[in-house]
Amino acid sequence: MIRIARAEDAEAIHAIYAPTILDTAITFETELPGAEAMRQRMLTRLQHYPWLVWEEQGNVLAYAYATRFRERAAYDWIAETSIYVHENARRRGIARKLYGALLDVMRLQGINQAVGVITLPGDVSVALHEAMDFAPAGVWRKAGYKLGRWWDVGVWQKELQRAANPPQAVAAFPVLRESAELQDVFLRYG
């Protein structure tokens, strides 16, 4: 089942995220933030963007969220996306369903573009993004140093909907929380 993340999901979300910090360059974060920091991140992002989880039998197995791409107001219609799946829940189609739901929610908000930022080579993440119709948009060479080496970062971009001219303001996620459209998205993918 897909649903909106809740404060009490912070422990499970931290447990999913922690191995990517400690053992990989998937994220450039280098120190464990802790469950309370994850809770604060969720609550802060949920003020404007979606943070969704995939839950089975009371267990959070994956999460996906959108966040502001850049601070300038002209960037309001583009958002960066992230998704993490528990290592024991991979290769079951959860990522595609959860990511699909996230992108549809972003469309409902009026966001026109989604950007995925991937540490390269990142074959699994690249495959997911390209399966979701993201296109390569560039590479930042030697963008981050972690685990004793420099890593390139690729950017993948997806047009969610045509940009209106002039555009309407993007709806903050709380406006959609109780909407029938949001529930339809969850039912479609969950």
N, C-alpha and C. Protein backbone atom coordinates (compact mmCIF):
# COMPACT_ATOMS: atom_id res chain seq x y z
N MET A 1 0.84 -1.17 0.00
CA MET A 1 0.00 0.00 0.00
C MET A 1 0.89 1.25 0.00
N ILE A 2 0.47 2.23 -0.79
CA ILE A 2 1.16 3.52 -0.83
C ILE A 2 0.39 4.49 0.04
N ARG A 3 1.12 5.25 0.83
CA ARG A 3 0.50 6.27 1.67
C ARG A 3 1.49 7.39 1.93
N ILE A 4 0.99 8.45 2.54
CA ILE A 4 1.84 9.58 2.94
C ILE A 4 2.65 9.16 4.15
N ALA A 5 3.92 9.53 4.16
CA ALA A 5 4.77 9.24 5.32
C ALA A 5 4.25 9.96 6.56
N ARG A 6 4.41 9.29 7.70
CA ARG A 6 4.02 9.86 8.99
C ARG A 6 5.27 9.95 9.88
N ALA A 7 5.19 10.80 10.88
CA ALA A 7 6.32 11.01 11.79
C ALA A 7 6.81 9.68 12.38
N GLU A 8 5.89 8.78 12.69
CA GLU A 8 6.29 7.51 13.30
C GLU A 8 7.01 6.56 12.33
N ASP A 9 7.10 6.92 11.04
CA ASP A 9 7.84 6.12 10.07
C ASP A 9 9.34 6.41 10.09
N ALA A 10 9.75 7.39 10.85
CA ALA A 10 11.14 7.85 10.81
C ALA A 10 12.15 6.74 11.10
N GLU A 11 11.88 5.88 12.07
CA GLU A 11 12.81 4.78 12.39
C GLU A 11 12.98 3.85 11.19
N ALA A 12 11.87 3.45 10.58
CA ALA A 12 11.94 2.53 9.44
C ALA A 12 12.63 3.20 8.25
N ILE A 13 12.33 4.46 8.01
CA ILE A 13 12.96 5.18 6.92
C ILE A 13 14.46 5.31 7.16
N HIS A 14 14.83 5.60 8.39
CA HIS A 14 16.26 5.69 8.71
C HIS A 14 16.94 4.34 8.49
N ALA A 15 16.28 3.26 8.85
CA ALA A 15 16.85 1.92 8.68
C ALA A 15 17.05 1.58 7.20
N ILE A 16 16.16 2.04 6.34
CA ILE A 16 16.31 1.82 4.89
C ILE A 16 17.48 2.65 4.36
N TYR A 17 17.59 3.88 4.84
CA TYR A 17 18.59 4.84 4.34
C TYR A 17 20.00 4.55 4.85
N ALA A 18 20.14 4.10 6.06
CA ALA A 18 21.44 3.95 6.71
C ALA A 18 22.46 3.15 5.90
N PRO A 19 22.14 1.99 5.34
CA PRO A 19 23.15 1.25 4.58
C PRO A 19 23.68 2.01 3.37
N THR A 20 22.85 2.86 2.75
CA THR A 20 23.35 3.62 1.61
C THR A 20 24.35 4.68 2.04
N ILE A 21 24.22 5.17 3.26
CA ILE A 21 25.18 6.13 3.79
C ILE A 21 26.49 5.44 4.12
N LEU A 22 26.39 4.34 4.83
CA LEU A 22 27.57 3.67 5.36
C LEU A 22 28.35 2.89 4.31
N ASP A 23 27.66 2.28 3.35
CA ASP A 23 28.30 1.30 2.48
C ASP A 23 28.35 1.66 1.01
N THR A 24 27.73 2.78 0.61
CA THR A 24 27.68 3.10 -0.82
C THR A 24 27.90 4.59 -1.06
N ALA A 25 28.00 4.93 -2.33
CA ALA A 25 28.05 6.34 -2.73
C ALA A 25 26.73 6.75 -3.38
N ILE A 26 25.68 5.97 -3.17
CA ILE A 26 24.36 6.32 -3.70
C ILE A 26 23.95 7.68 -3.18
N THR A 27 24.22 7.93 -1.91
CA THR A 27 24.03 9.26 -1.34
C THR A 27 25.40 9.79 -0.94
N PHE A 28 25.57 11.08 -1.02
CA PHE A 28 26.83 11.67 -0.58
C PHE A 28 26.80 12.06 0.89
N GLU A 29 25.71 11.77 1.56
CA GLU A 29 25.69 11.96 3.01
C GLU A 29 26.68 10.96 3.60
N THR A 30 27.48 11.39 4.58
CA THR A 30 28.54 10.52 5.11
C THR A 30 28.34 10.12 6.56
N GLU A 31 27.42 10.77 7.26
CA GLU A 31 27.17 10.42 8.66
C GLU A 31 25.69 10.13 8.84
N LEU A 32 25.39 9.12 9.65
CA LEU A 32 23.99 8.78 9.90
C LEU A 32 23.28 9.96 10.55
N PRO A 33 22.13 10.35 10.00
CA PRO A 33 21.43 11.49 10.57
C PRO A 33 20.65 11.14 11.83
N GLY A 34 20.25 9.88 11.99
CA GLY A 34 19.41 9.49 13.12
C GLY A 34 17.94 9.62 12.78
N ALA A 35 17.12 8.89 13.50
CA ALA A 35 15.68 8.87 13.23
C ALA A 35 15.03 10.23 13.46
N GLU A 36 15.46 10.95 14.48
CA GLU A 36 14.85 12.26 14.75
C GLU A 36 15.13 13.24 13.62
N ALA A 37 16.33 13.23 13.08
CA ALA A 37 16.65 14.09 11.94
C ALA A 37 15.82 13.69 10.72
N MET A 38 15.62 12.39 10.51
CA MET A 38 14.78 11.95 9.39
C MET A 38 13.35 12.42 9.60
N ARG A 39 12.86 12.34 10.81
CA ARG A 39 11.51 12.80 11.12
C ARG A 39 11.38 14.29 10.77
N GLN A 40 12.36 15.08 11.15
CA GLN A 40 12.32 16.52 10.85
C GLN A 40 12.39 16.78 9.35
N ARG A 41 13.22 16.02 8.64
CA ARG A 41 13.29 16.16 7.18
C ARG A 41 11.93 15.89 6.55
N MET A 42 11.31 14.80 6.98
CA MET A 42 10.00 14.44 6.44
C MET A 42 8.99 15.55 6.70
N LEU A 43 8.88 15.97 7.93
CA LEU A 43 7.88 16.97 8.29
C LEU A 43 8.12 18.29 7.57
N THR A 44 9.38 18.66 7.39
CA THR A 44 9.70 19.89 6.67
C THR A 44 9.33 19.77 5.20
N ARG A 45 9.73 18.68 4.57
CA ARG A 45 9.43 18.52 3.14
C ARG A 45 7.93 18.40 2.89
N LEU A 46 7.22 17.73 3.78
CA LEU A 46 5.79 17.54 3.60
C LEU A 46 5.00 18.85 3.65
N GLN A 47 5.64 19.92 4.07
CA GLN A 47 4.96 21.23 4.05
C GLN A 47 4.74 21.72 2.62
N HIS A 48 5.54 21.19 1.68
CA HIS A 48 5.37 21.62 0.29
C HIS A 48 5.39 20.48 -0.72
N TYR A 49 6.11 19.41 -0.43
CA TYR A 49 6.30 18.33 -1.40
C TYR A 49 5.81 16.99 -0.84
N PRO A 50 5.53 16.03 -1.73
CA PRO A 50 5.12 14.71 -1.25
C PRO A 50 6.29 13.90 -0.70
N TRP A 51 6.02 13.13 0.34
CA TRP A 51 6.94 12.10 0.85
C TRP A 51 6.04 10.89 1.06
N LEU A 52 6.24 9.87 0.23
CA LEU A 52 5.38 8.70 0.21
C LEU A 52 6.14 7.47 0.70
N VAL A 53 5.41 6.50 1.23
CA VAL A 53 6.01 5.23 1.63
C VAL A 53 5.22 4.08 1.02
N TRP A 54 5.90 2.96 0.87
CA TRP A 54 5.29 1.69 0.49
C TRP A 54 5.28 0.84 1.76
N GLU A 55 4.09 0.45 2.16
CA GLU A 55 3.93 -0.32 3.40
C GLU A 55 3.29 -1.67 3.10
N GLU A 56 3.82 -2.72 3.73
CA GLU A 56 3.22 -4.06 3.65
C GLU A 56 3.17 -4.63 5.06
N GLN A 57 2.01 -5.08 5.46
CA GLN A 57 1.80 -5.71 6.77
C GLN A 57 2.41 -4.87 7.91
N GLY A 58 2.20 -3.57 7.82
CA GLY A 58 2.67 -2.67 8.86
C GLY A 58 4.14 -2.30 8.78
N ASN A 59 4.85 -2.77 7.76
CA ASN A 59 6.27 -2.48 7.62
C ASN A 59 6.52 -1.56 6.43
N VAL A 60 7.27 -0.49 6.65
CA VAL A 60 7.67 0.40 5.57
C VAL A 60 8.83 -0.24 4.83
N LEU A 61 8.64 -0.51 3.53
CA LEU A 61 9.66 -1.17 2.73
C LEU A 61 10.38 -0.23 1.76
N ALA A 62 9.79 0.94 1.52
CA ALA A 62 10.39 1.89 0.59
C ALA A 62 9.81 3.27 0.85
N TYR A 63 10.54 4.28 0.40
CA TYR A 63 10.03 5.64 0.47
C TYR A 63 10.54 6.44 -0.71
N ALA A 64 9.77 7.43 -1.09
CA ALA A 64 10.12 8.32 -2.20
C ALA A 64 9.63 9.71 -1.86
N TYR A 65 10.39 10.70 -2.27
CA TYR A 65 9.97 12.08 -1.98
C TYR A 65 10.48 13.02 -3.05
N ALA A 66 9.88 14.19 -3.08
CA ALA A 66 10.33 15.29 -3.93
C ALA A 66 10.84 16.39 -3.01
N THR A 67 11.73 17.18 -3.55
CA THR A 67 12.27 18.31 -2.79
C THR A 67 12.60 19.44 -3.75
N ARG A 68 12.75 20.60 -3.19
CA ARG A 68 13.06 21.79 -3.98
C ARG A 68 14.36 21.57 -4.75
N PHE A 69 14.37 21.95 -6.02
CA PHE A 69 15.55 21.80 -6.87
C PHE A 69 16.58 22.88 -6.60
N ARG A 70 16.16 24.13 -6.63
CA ARG A 70 17.02 25.28 -6.32
C ARG A 70 16.18 26.31 -5.60
N GLU A 71 16.81 27.25 -4.95
CA GLU A 71 16.09 28.20 -4.10
C GLU A 71 15.38 29.33 -4.85
N ARG A 72 15.82 29.69 -6.02
CA ARG A 72 15.22 30.82 -6.74
C ARG A 72 13.78 30.50 -7.13
N ALA A 73 12.91 31.49 -7.07
CA ALA A 73 11.48 31.32 -7.35
C ALA A 73 11.22 30.83 -8.77
N ALA A 74 12.07 31.16 -9.71
CA ALA A 74 11.87 30.74 -11.09
C ALA A 74 11.95 29.22 -11.24
N TYR A 75 12.52 28.53 -10.25
CA TYR A 75 12.63 27.07 -10.28
C TYR A 75 11.44 26.36 -9.64
N ASP A 76 10.39 27.07 -9.27
CA ASP A 76 9.27 26.46 -8.55
C ASP A 76 8.64 25.28 -9.28
N TRP A 77 8.75 25.18 -10.58
CA TRP A 77 8.05 24.16 -11.35
C TRP A 77 8.91 22.95 -11.66
N ILE A 78 10.05 22.83 -11.02
CA ILE A 78 10.92 21.67 -11.17
C ILE A 78 11.28 21.19 -9.76
N ALA A 79 11.32 19.88 -9.57
CA ALA A 79 11.66 19.33 -8.25
C ALA A 79 12.57 18.12 -8.42
N GLU A 80 13.46 17.94 -7.45
CA GLU A 80 14.34 16.77 -7.43
C GLU A 80 13.63 15.62 -6.71
N THR A 81 13.82 14.43 -7.21
CA THR A 81 13.19 13.25 -6.62
C THR A 81 14.22 12.29 -6.05
N SER A 82 13.80 11.51 -5.06
CA SER A 82 14.64 10.47 -4.47
C SER A 82 13.77 9.28 -4.12
N ILE A 83 14.35 8.09 -4.20
CA ILE A 83 13.64 6.88 -3.82
C ILE A 83 14.64 5.89 -3.23
N TYR A 84 14.22 5.22 -2.16
CA TYR A 84 15.04 4.21 -1.49
C TYR A 84 14.15 3.02 -1.16
N VAL A 85 14.65 1.82 -1.44
CA VAL A 85 13.91 0.58 -1.19
C VAL A 85 14.76 -0.29 -0.26
N HIS A 86 14.13 -0.86 0.74
CA HIS A 86 14.81 -1.76 1.67
C HIS A 86 15.48 -2.88 0.88
N GLU A 87 16.69 -3.25 1.26
CA GLU A 87 17.45 -4.23 0.50
C GLU A 87 16.72 -5.57 0.36
N ASN A 88 15.85 -5.92 1.28
CA ASN A 88 15.11 -7.19 1.20
C ASN A 88 13.82 -7.08 0.39
N ALA A 89 13.53 -5.90 -0.14
CA ALA A 89 12.29 -5.70 -0.90
C ALA A 89 12.56 -5.31 -2.35
N ARG A 90 13.80 -5.42 -2.76
CA ARG A 90 14.15 -5.01 -4.13
C ARG A 90 13.76 -6.08 -5.14
N ARG A 91 13.67 -5.64 -6.41
CA ARG A 91 13.37 -6.53 -7.55
C ARG A 91 11.96 -7.10 -7.49
N ARG A 92 11.04 -6.34 -6.90
CA ARG A 92 9.64 -6.76 -6.81
C ARG A 92 8.70 -5.76 -7.48
N GLY A 93 9.24 -4.73 -8.11
CA GLY A 93 8.41 -3.74 -8.78
C GLY A 93 7.93 -2.62 -7.89
N ILE A 94 8.35 -2.63 -6.62
CA ILE A 94 7.93 -1.60 -5.68
C ILE A 94 8.42 -0.22 -6.12
N ALA A 95 9.67 -0.14 -6.55
CA ALA A 95 10.25 1.15 -6.92
C ALA A 95 9.47 1.81 -8.05
N ARG A 96 9.13 1.04 -9.07
CA ARG A 96 8.39 1.62 -10.21
C ARG A 96 7.02 2.11 -9.78
N LYS A 97 6.33 1.34 -8.96
CA LYS A 97 5.00 1.75 -8.52
C LYS A 97 5.07 2.98 -7.63
N LEU A 98 5.97 2.97 -6.67
CA LEU A 98 6.08 4.10 -5.74
C LEU A 98 6.55 5.36 -6.47
N TYR A 99 7.52 5.20 -7.36
CA TYR A 99 8.02 6.34 -8.12
C TYR A 99 6.93 6.88 -9.05
N GLY A 100 6.18 5.98 -9.68
CA GLY A 100 5.07 6.41 -10.53
C GLY A 100 4.06 7.24 -9.76
N ALA A 101 3.74 6.78 -8.56
CA ALA A 101 2.81 7.53 -7.71
C ALA A 101 3.38 8.90 -7.36
N LEU A 102 4.65 8.95 -6.99
CA LEU A 102 5.28 10.23 -6.65
C LEU A 102 5.19 11.20 -7.83
N LEU A 103 5.51 10.74 -9.02
CA LEU A 103 5.49 11.61 -10.19
C LEU A 103 4.07 12.10 -10.49
N ASP A 104 3.09 11.23 -10.33
CA ASP A 104 1.70 11.65 -10.55
C ASP A 104 1.25 12.68 -9.52
N VAL A 105 1.69 12.52 -8.28
CA VAL A 105 1.34 13.51 -7.25
C VAL A 105 1.99 14.85 -7.59
N MET A 106 3.22 14.82 -8.06
CA MET A 106 3.89 16.05 -8.45
C MET A 106 3.12 16.74 -9.58
N ARG A 107 2.60 15.96 -10.52
CA ARG A 107 1.77 16.53 -11.60
C ARG A 107 0.55 17.22 -11.01
N LEU A 108 -0.10 16.56 -10.06
CA LEU A 108 -1.27 17.16 -9.42
C LEU A 108 -0.94 18.51 -8.78
N GLN A 109 0.27 18.62 -8.27
CA GLN A 109 0.69 19.88 -7.65
C GLN A 109 0.92 20.98 -8.68
N GLY A 110 1.14 20.59 -9.93
CA GLY A 110 1.47 21.56 -10.97
C GLY A 110 2.96 21.64 -11.26
N ILE A 111 3.73 20.69 -10.76
CA ILE A 111 5.17 20.62 -11.06
C ILE A 111 5.33 20.08 -12.47
N ASN A 112 6.15 20.73 -13.29
CA ASN A 112 6.33 20.38 -14.70
C ASN A 112 7.49 19.44 -14.97
N GLN A 113 8.52 19.50 -14.15
CA GLN A 113 9.74 18.74 -14.41
C GLN A 113 10.20 18.02 -13.15
N ALA A 114 10.67 16.78 -13.33
CA ALA A 114 11.29 16.03 -12.24
C ALA A 114 12.74 15.77 -12.62
N VAL A 115 13.62 15.84 -11.62
CA VAL A 115 15.04 15.62 -11.84
C VAL A 115 15.52 14.55 -10.88
N GLY A 116 16.19 13.54 -11.44
CA GLY A 116 16.85 12.53 -10.62
C GLY A 116 18.34 12.73 -10.70
N VAL A 117 19.01 12.74 -9.57
CA VAL A 117 20.46 12.94 -9.51
C VAL A 117 21.07 11.62 -9.04
N ILE A 118 21.95 11.04 -9.87
CA ILE A 118 22.42 9.67 -9.66
C ILE A 118 23.94 9.62 -9.61
N THR A 119 24.48 9.02 -8.55
CA THR A 119 25.92 8.77 -8.50
C THR A 119 26.24 7.69 -9.52
N LEU A 120 27.20 7.95 -10.39
CA LEU A 120 27.53 7.03 -11.48
C LEU A 120 28.63 6.05 -11.07
N PRO A 121 28.55 4.78 -11.53
CA PRO A 121 27.74 4.35 -12.65
C PRO A 121 26.26 4.15 -12.33
N GLY A 122 25.88 3.77 -11.14
CA GLY A 122 24.48 3.73 -10.72
C GLY A 122 23.55 2.98 -11.65
N ASP A 123 23.98 1.81 -12.13
CA ASP A 123 23.22 1.07 -13.15
C ASP A 123 21.77 0.83 -12.76
N VAL A 124 21.50 0.44 -11.53
CA VAL A 124 20.13 0.14 -11.11
C VAL A 124 19.28 1.41 -11.13
N SER A 125 19.81 2.49 -10.62
CA SER A 125 19.07 3.75 -10.60
C SER A 125 18.89 4.31 -12.00
N VAL A 126 19.91 4.21 -12.82
CA VAL A 126 19.79 4.67 -14.21
C VAL A 126 18.69 3.87 -14.91
N ALA A 127 18.68 2.55 -14.72
CA ALA A 127 17.66 1.71 -15.36
C ALA A 127 16.26 2.09 -14.89
N LEU A 128 16.10 2.34 -13.59
CA LEU A 128 14.79 2.75 -13.07
C LEU A 128 14.35 4.07 -13.70
N HIS A 129 15.23 5.05 -13.69
CA HIS A 129 14.87 6.36 -14.24
C HIS A 129 14.52 6.28 -15.73
N GLU A 130 15.31 5.53 -16.48
CA GLU A 130 15.03 5.43 -17.90
C GLU A 130 13.75 4.63 -18.16
N ALA A 131 13.45 3.64 -17.31
CA ALA A 131 12.18 2.91 -17.43
C ALA A 131 10.99 3.82 -17.13
N MET A 132 11.23 4.87 -16.34
CA MET A 132 10.18 5.84 -16.00
C MET A 132 10.19 7.03 -16.97
N ASP A 133 10.89 6.88 -18.09
CA ASP A 133 10.95 7.89 -19.17
C ASP A 133 11.72 9.15 -18.79
N PHE A 134 12.65 9.05 -17.87
CA PHE A 134 13.59 10.13 -17.64
C PHE A 134 14.65 10.05 -18.75
N ALA A 135 15.20 11.18 -19.12
CA ALA A 135 16.26 11.24 -20.13
C ALA A 135 17.52 11.83 -19.52
N PRO A 136 18.69 11.36 -19.95
CA PRO A 136 19.93 11.94 -19.43
C PRO A 136 19.98 13.43 -19.76
N ALA A 137 20.42 14.23 -18.78
CA ALA A 137 20.47 15.68 -18.97
C ALA A 137 21.85 16.26 -18.69
N GLY A 138 22.81 15.41 -18.32
CA GLY A 138 24.15 15.91 -18.10
C GLY A 138 24.87 15.14 -17.01
N VAL A 139 26.17 15.40 -16.92
CA VAL A 139 27.02 14.75 -15.92
C VAL A 139 27.88 15.81 -15.25
N TRP A 140 27.92 15.74 -13.93
CA TRP A 140 28.84 16.57 -13.15
C TRP A 140 30.04 15.70 -12.82
N ARG A 141 31.20 16.01 -13.39
CA ARG A 141 32.41 15.20 -13.23
C ARG A 141 33.01 15.40 -11.83
N LYS A 142 33.42 14.29 -11.24
CA LYS A 142 34.08 14.31 -9.93
C LYS A 142 33.36 15.24 -8.95
N ALA A 143 32.06 15.07 -8.86
CA ALA A 143 31.22 15.96 -8.07
C ALA A 143 31.28 15.68 -6.57
N GLY A 144 31.60 14.45 -6.19
CA GLY A 144 31.63 14.13 -4.77
C GLY A 144 32.73 13.14 -4.43
N TYR A 145 33.26 13.28 -3.22
CA TYR A 145 34.32 12.39 -2.74
C TYR A 145 33.78 11.59 -1.56
N LYS A 146 33.76 10.27 -1.72
CA LYS A 146 33.26 9.40 -0.67
C LYS A 146 33.88 8.02 -0.85
N LEU A 147 34.09 7.32 0.24
CA LEU A 147 34.64 5.97 0.22
C LEU A 147 35.98 5.90 -0.51
N GLY A 148 36.79 6.94 -0.32
CA GLY A 148 38.15 6.94 -0.84
C GLY A 148 38.29 7.23 -2.32
N ARG A 149 37.25 7.76 -2.95
CA ARG A 149 37.38 8.09 -4.37
C ARG A 149 36.41 9.19 -4.79
N TRP A 150 36.67 9.74 -5.98
CA TRP A 150 35.80 10.74 -6.58
C TRP A 150 34.72 10.06 -7.41
N TRP A 151 33.51 10.64 -7.39
CA TRP A 151 32.38 10.07 -8.11
C TRP A 151 31.77 11.12 -9.03
N ASP A 152 31.42 10.68 -10.23
CA ASP A 152 30.65 11.51 -11.15
C ASP A 152 29.18 11.40 -10.77
N VAL A 153 28.42 12.42 -11.10
CA VAL A 153 26.99 12.43 -10.83
C VAL A 153 26.26 12.73 -12.14
N GLY A 154 25.30 11.88 -12.46
CA GLY A 154 24.47 12.09 -13.65
C GLY A 154 23.14 12.71 -13.26
N VAL A 155 22.60 13.49 -14.17
CA VAL A 155 21.30 14.11 -13.96
C VAL A 155 20.35 13.56 -15.02
N TRP A 156 19.19 13.09 -14.57
CA TRP A 156 18.14 12.60 -15.46
C TRP A 156 16.92 13.48 -15.25
N GLN A 157 16.22 13.80 -16.34
CA GLN A 157 15.11 14.75 -16.27
C GLN A 157 13.89 14.18 -16.98
N LYS A 158 12.72 14.47 -16.42
CA LYS A 158 11.46 14.01 -17.02
C LYS A 158 10.47 15.16 -17.04
N GLU A 159 9.88 15.40 -18.20
CA GLU A 159 8.81 16.38 -18.28
C GLU A 159 7.53 15.70 -17.79
N LEU A 160 6.94 16.26 -16.76
CA LEU A 160 5.72 15.71 -16.18
C LEU A 160 4.48 16.20 -16.91
N GLN A 161 4.54 17.44 -17.38
CA GLN A 161 3.44 18.03 -18.15
C GLN A 161 3.97 19.27 -18.84
N ARG A 162 3.25 19.70 -19.85
CA ARG A 162 3.68 20.90 -20.58
C ARG A 162 3.64 22.11 -19.67
N ALA A 163 4.61 22.95 -19.85
CA ALA A 163 4.68 24.18 -19.07
C ALA A 163 3.73 25.23 -19.66
N ALA A 164 2.83 25.72 -18.83
CA ALA A 164 1.91 26.78 -19.25
C ALA A 164 2.65 28.12 -19.23
N ASN A 165 2.17 29.05 -20.06
CA ASN A 165 2.79 30.36 -20.09
C ASN A 165 1.69 31.42 -20.07
N PRO A 166 1.48 32.09 -18.96
CA PRO A 166 2.22 32.00 -17.70
C PRO A 166 1.74 30.78 -16.89
N PRO A 167 2.59 30.28 -16.01
CA PRO A 167 2.22 29.12 -15.20
C PRO A 167 1.37 29.51 -14.00
N GLN A 168 0.57 28.53 -13.54
CA GLN A 168 -0.13 28.72 -12.27
C GLN A 168 0.84 28.36 -11.16
N ALA A 169 0.59 28.89 -9.97
CA ALA A 169 1.44 28.56 -8.82
C ALA A 169 1.34 27.07 -8.51
N VAL A 170 2.46 26.49 -8.08
CA VAL A 170 2.48 25.10 -7.67
C VAL A 170 1.72 24.98 -6.36
N ALA A 171 0.87 23.97 -6.26
CA ALA A 171 0.10 23.75 -5.04
C ALA A 171 0.98 23.08 -3.99
N ALA A 172 0.97 23.60 -2.79
CA ALA A 172 1.69 22.95 -1.70
C ALA A 172 1.04 21.60 -1.43
N PHE A 173 1.84 20.59 -1.10
CA PHE A 173 1.31 19.24 -0.93
C PHE A 173 0.16 19.14 0.07
N PRO A 174 0.18 19.87 1.19
CA PRO A 174 -0.95 19.75 2.13
C PRO A 174 -2.31 20.06 1.51
N VAL A 175 -2.34 20.85 0.47
CA VAL A 175 -3.60 21.17 -0.20
C VAL A 175 -4.22 19.90 -0.80
N LEU A 176 -3.37 18.95 -1.19
CA LEU A 176 -3.83 17.72 -1.85
C LEU A 176 -4.09 16.57 -0.88
N ARG A 177 -3.66 16.69 0.36
CA ARG A 177 -3.65 15.54 1.29
C ARG A 177 -4.95 14.77 1.36
N GLU A 178 -6.06 15.44 1.36
CA GLU A 178 -7.36 14.77 1.51
C GLU A 178 -8.13 14.68 0.20
N SER A 179 -7.49 15.00 -0.91
CA SER A 179 -8.21 15.07 -2.18
C SER A 179 -8.49 13.69 -2.75
N ALA A 180 -9.57 13.60 -3.49
CA ALA A 180 -9.93 12.36 -4.18
C ALA A 180 -8.88 12.01 -5.23
N GLU A 181 -8.29 13.04 -5.85
CA GLU A 181 -7.26 12.80 -6.87
C GLU A 181 -6.04 12.10 -6.28
N LEU A 182 -5.65 12.51 -5.08
CA LEU A 182 -4.51 11.87 -4.43
C LEU A 182 -4.84 10.41 -4.10
N GLN A 183 -6.01 10.17 -3.57
CA GLN A 183 -6.42 8.80 -3.25
C GLN A 183 -6.47 7.94 -4.51
N ASP A 184 -6.91 8.51 -5.63
CA ASP A 184 -6.92 7.79 -6.90
C ASP A 184 -5.51 7.37 -7.32
N VAL A 185 -4.54 8.26 -7.12
CA VAL A 185 -3.14 7.93 -7.44
C VAL A 185 -2.69 6.75 -6.59
N PHE A 186 -2.97 6.80 -5.31
CA PHE A 186 -2.55 5.71 -4.40
C PHE A 186 -3.18 4.39 -4.81
N LEU A 187 -4.46 4.42 -5.17
CA LEU A 187 -5.15 3.19 -5.59
C LEU A 187 -4.59 2.65 -6.90
N ARG A 188 -4.27 3.56 -7.81
CA ARG A 188 -3.75 3.16 -9.12
C ARG A 188 -2.43 2.41 -9.00
N TYR A 189 -1.57 2.82 -8.08
CA TYR A 189 -0.24 2.23 -7.99
C TYR A 189 -0.09 1.24 -6.84
N GLY A 190 -0.94 1.33 -5.85
CA GLY A 190 -0.76 0.52 -4.65
C GLY A 190 -1.49 -0.79 -4.70
